[in-house]
Protein backbone atom coordinates (compact mmCIF):
# COMPACT_ATOMS: atom_id res chain seq x y z
CA MET A 1 15.71 -5.42 19.26
CA PHE A 2 14.39 -9.11 19.81
CA GLU A 3 11.17 -8.04 21.97
CA SER A 4 10.69 -5.57 18.97
CA ILE A 5 10.91 -8.11 16.46
CA LYS A 6 8.90 -10.41 18.65
CA GLN A 7 5.92 -8.33 18.62
CA ASN A 8 5.90 -7.40 14.82
CA LEU A 9 5.79 -10.85 14.53
CA ASN A 10 3.15 -11.32 17.04
CA GLY A 11 0.74 -8.91 14.83
CA ARG A 12 -2.03 -7.72 16.26
CA PRO A 13 -4.03 -10.33 18.36
CA GLY A 14 -6.62 -12.59 16.15
CA GLN A 15 -5.71 -11.08 12.94
CA PRO A 16 -3.09 -13.35 10.37
CA ILE A 17 -0.57 -11.51 8.87
CA VAL A 18 -0.94 -13.71 5.84
CA LEU A 19 -2.97 -16.38 5.78
CA GLY A 20 -3.01 -17.09 9.41
CA VAL A 21 -0.74 -20.21 9.35
CA GLY A 22 1.65 -19.44 11.64
CA GLN A 23 -1.07 -18.74 14.14
CA ALA A 24 -2.74 -21.91 13.57
CA LEU A 25 0.09 -23.99 13.80
CA ALA A 26 2.06 -21.76 17.50
CA LYS A 27 -1.93 -22.91 18.71
CA ARG A 28 -1.38 -26.68 17.61
CA LEU A 29 1.70 -26.74 19.10
CA ASN A 30 1.14 -24.63 22.34
CA GLN A 31 3.59 -22.09 20.84
CA GLU A 32 3.43 -18.05 20.70
CA ALA A 33 2.80 -17.20 17.32
CA TRP A 34 5.91 -15.58 17.21
CA VAL A 35 7.91 -18.46 17.29
CA THR A 36 6.15 -20.24 13.91
CA ARG A 37 6.03 -17.29 11.89
CA GLY A 38 10.09 -16.50 12.48
CA ALA A 39 10.64 -20.42 11.88
CA PHE A 40 8.68 -19.62 8.54
CA ILE A 41 10.94 -17.14 7.94
CA VAL A 42 13.78 -18.73 8.58
CA LEU A 43 12.87 -21.43 6.15
CA GLY A 44 11.61 -19.49 3.47
CA VAL A 45 15.44 -17.95 3.27
CA PHE A 46 17.38 -21.35 2.29
CA PHE A 47 14.17 -22.99 0.90
CA THR A 48 12.49 -20.51 -0.74
CA PHE A 49 9.98 -22.88 -2.65
CA ALA A 50 9.21 -25.70 -0.43
CA THR A 51 8.52 -23.09 2.42
CA LEU A 52 6.27 -21.10 0.12
CA ALA A 53 4.71 -24.81 -0.93
CA ALA A 54 4.03 -25.58 2.60
CA TYR A 55 2.88 -22.28 4.14
CA ILE A 56 -0.30 -22.43 1.04
CA LEU A 57 -0.83 -26.22 1.48
CA LEU A 58 -1.18 -25.43 4.90
CA GLY A 59 -2.98 -22.86 4.60
CA LEU A 60 -5.67 -25.07 2.23
CA PHE A 61 -6.11 -28.29 4.55
CA MET A 62 -5.81 -26.49 7.72
CA PRO A 63 -9.68 -25.77 8.87
CA GLU A 64 -8.66 -23.08 10.77
CA THR A 65 -6.42 -21.59 7.31
CA GLU A 66 -8.88 -22.94 4.39
CA GLU A 67 -11.82 -20.72 4.01
CA ARG A 68 -8.85 -16.94 4.95
CA THR A 69 -6.60 -18.85 1.63
CA LYS A 70 -9.72 -20.07 -0.63
CA GLY A 71 -10.23 -16.37 -0.57
CA VAL A 72 -6.56 -15.23 -1.23
CA PHE A 73 -6.64 -17.43 -4.26
CA ARG A 74 -10.29 -16.44 -5.03
CA GLY A 75 -9.19 -12.65 -4.90
CA LEU A 76 -5.84 -13.59 -7.03
CA VAL A 77 -7.50 -15.36 -9.58
CA ILE A 78 -10.49 -12.23 -9.90
CA GLN A 79 -7.43 -10.38 -10.49
CA ALA A 80 -5.36 -11.98 -12.81
CA ARG A 81 -8.66 -12.08 -15.02
CA GLU A 82 -8.51 -8.09 -14.85
CA TRP A 83 -5.05 -8.10 -15.90
CA ILE A 84 -5.44 -10.46 -18.72
CA ASP A 85 -8.70 -8.27 -19.41
CA GLN A 86 -6.80 -5.52 -19.69
CA LEU A 87 -3.68 -6.85 -22.08
CA ALA A 88 -6.31 -7.73 -24.13
CA GLY A 89 -8.10 -4.76 -24.43
CA PHE A 90 -4.13 -2.69 -25.13
CA GLY A 91 -2.88 -5.62 -27.70
CA LYS A 92 -6.63 -4.76 -29.70
CA ASP A 93 -6.43 -1.29 -29.80
CA ILE A 94 -2.34 -1.69 -30.65
CA PHE A 95 -3.41 -4.03 -33.55
CA ASN A 96 -5.80 -1.61 -34.25
CA GLY A 97 -4.25 1.12 -34.20
CA THR A 98 -1.96 -0.91 -37.06
CA THR A 99 -4.49 -1.81 -39.13
CA GLN A 100 -6.09 1.88 -39.39
CA ARG A 101 -2.80 2.95 -40.51
CA ASN A 102 -1.53 0.91 -42.91
CA GLY A 103 -4.59 0.80 -44.64
CA SER A 104 -5.30 4.31 -45.02
CA SER A 105 -1.91 5.69 -46.07
CA GLY A 106 -1.73 2.85 -49.10
């Protein structure tokens, strides 16, 4: 069982699982990636917000992960804009339909 967990936390060679912070830290600390990834998971269970904030900040400030992290956030901003546009269009359709019904019935 331990070997299976270790393999899952190691991921594919050279492939980051999320932002690549665990792998980058492992290289800096001369550890295997599963050790740092496991530490992030355990810390995340008990200190969710602090661990997430630390992970994101490390992702932004470590040269090895900086570009990937910025790319993820660019993608999130684009996705958020699309959702906002869809909601705005949905709201516009609702209000236009309501005003037409009110105008035609009176």
